[in-house]
Amino acid sequence: MNNHKYSWQSQPMLEGMAAGNLLLSSSILLSGSTFTKVASLADILNLKIFSEKTFYNIQNKYLLPVINEFWLKEQNSTFSELGGRDLWLSGDGRCDSPGHNAKYGTYTMIDQKTDKIVDFKVVQVSEVNNSNAMERECFKRCMENIYEKGGKIMVVATDRHVGIRADMKRNFPEVDHQFDGWHLSKSITKKLTEKAKKKECADLSLWIRSISNHLWWCAKTSDLYEECAHQPIPPAIARTKRWLRPGFSAHNALKEVVFDKNLLKDIQQLTLSCHTGNLEVYHSVQTKYAPKRQHFSYNGMIARTQLAALDHNANTGRQQATVSRGANQGELQYKVVFPKNTKEWLAKPIFEKTTNYHLKPMLNAIVERKCLKPQERSATVTAPHIPENISSKPRPPKADVIANHTSRFSNN
């Protein structure tokens, strides 16, 4: 206009790429969101953003390598903090989808003393015989990797997975294999609850919580007591109890559960009072980054699990929150909840809020990687040689599948 030329940019450029494209793509992944969700939000708002193809190109070139580097650095730092001491680890598995249609299985090892995640492994179902075998294979890989890094494992607490139990005896006999008290208590509670649903066993429901508490007490004090330590119950209190009569249905149902041979054998592996409760909390963090009803590529699954582990490790050691103002200033904070399983009001501690300070250096590193020349960048992350599709049959031509679909409906 009037022989003048104007150049307008909505945002700065980074080596030929709009900075917003890189930063928004980074924020999507680092926050645990997905492109699909953000694109849906943008569509409703009539906000124009980059394409899905652009997002995954940025993810593969810049995001995944940086996340992998930060996780490896964190893992090495964690091993350095452990200082060569004997490790007491807890392990638990998680599938990427509900039911028996899981594509990925993840197993996580956490240090019981520091609450830091030491290692995790992801296995695709096509690498093993079936989805039930993924947890066993993941566990084996975790143990081998920790040993390769120089870890000295003294105790491992797991659930009562039959395959893991066999592997511990065969491959790691020097390690004290303990069972998680929470899983064992949950199993007993579930069996007793099922029996208490019968009319003739209704009185059993009044004792389930006490039985579960007693199991925990026995595990925690097994090195102190060889018999029940409580005083005789006074007659006045005893008369108020709804005792289970010997020989009646409720009492027989109780004996059937607590005298089970496998249970009596497994109780011997509760002597160190280990539990995987912290891993149950971590799994909720993992769900934030890798929702169970969302499919991800193998590399995407690895990166999102690394982000979950980094988030967890960065927020360990949080204290219970206190009231910051008012007449109750300084008092510990609680919330009152009503769990469906206990059907009783309970007070649960409220902990200090988590932070995301650990993400800032990662975002800076992503920008720095973009500004480097291609030959100066570290290698991109590559997936192992496993098929992307978990189908047991080769894919037929698309036209044949469509024709078969159409003919099936036409025959009806």
Foldseek 3Di string as FASTA:
>chain_A
DVPDDDDDDPADAFPNHGPCLLLVLLCCQLQLHDPVVVVVVCVVVVHDDDDPVSSVVLCQQFVLVLLVVVLVVVLVVVVVVVPQDAFAKEKEKDFLAPDFPGQKIKMWIATPPQRATNDMDIDGQLVDDGPLCRHLVRVVVVVVVCVVVVHHYAEYEYAVRPSNVVCCVVPPVNHQYAYALVNLLVVLLVQQVVLCVDPQQVLSVVCSVVVSVVLLVCLVCVVPDDDDDDDDDDPVVVVVRPDDDPPGPNVVSNCCRCVPPVSVVNSVRSNNVDHDVSVVVLVVLLCSNRPSPDDDFPSSSVSSVSSSSVQSNQFPPWDFDADCDDPRGPHGDWDWDQDPSVRDIDTDTHTDDGDDPVCVVSSVSSSVQSNDDPVPHDDGDDDPPDDRDSDPDDDDDPVVVVVVVVVVVVVD
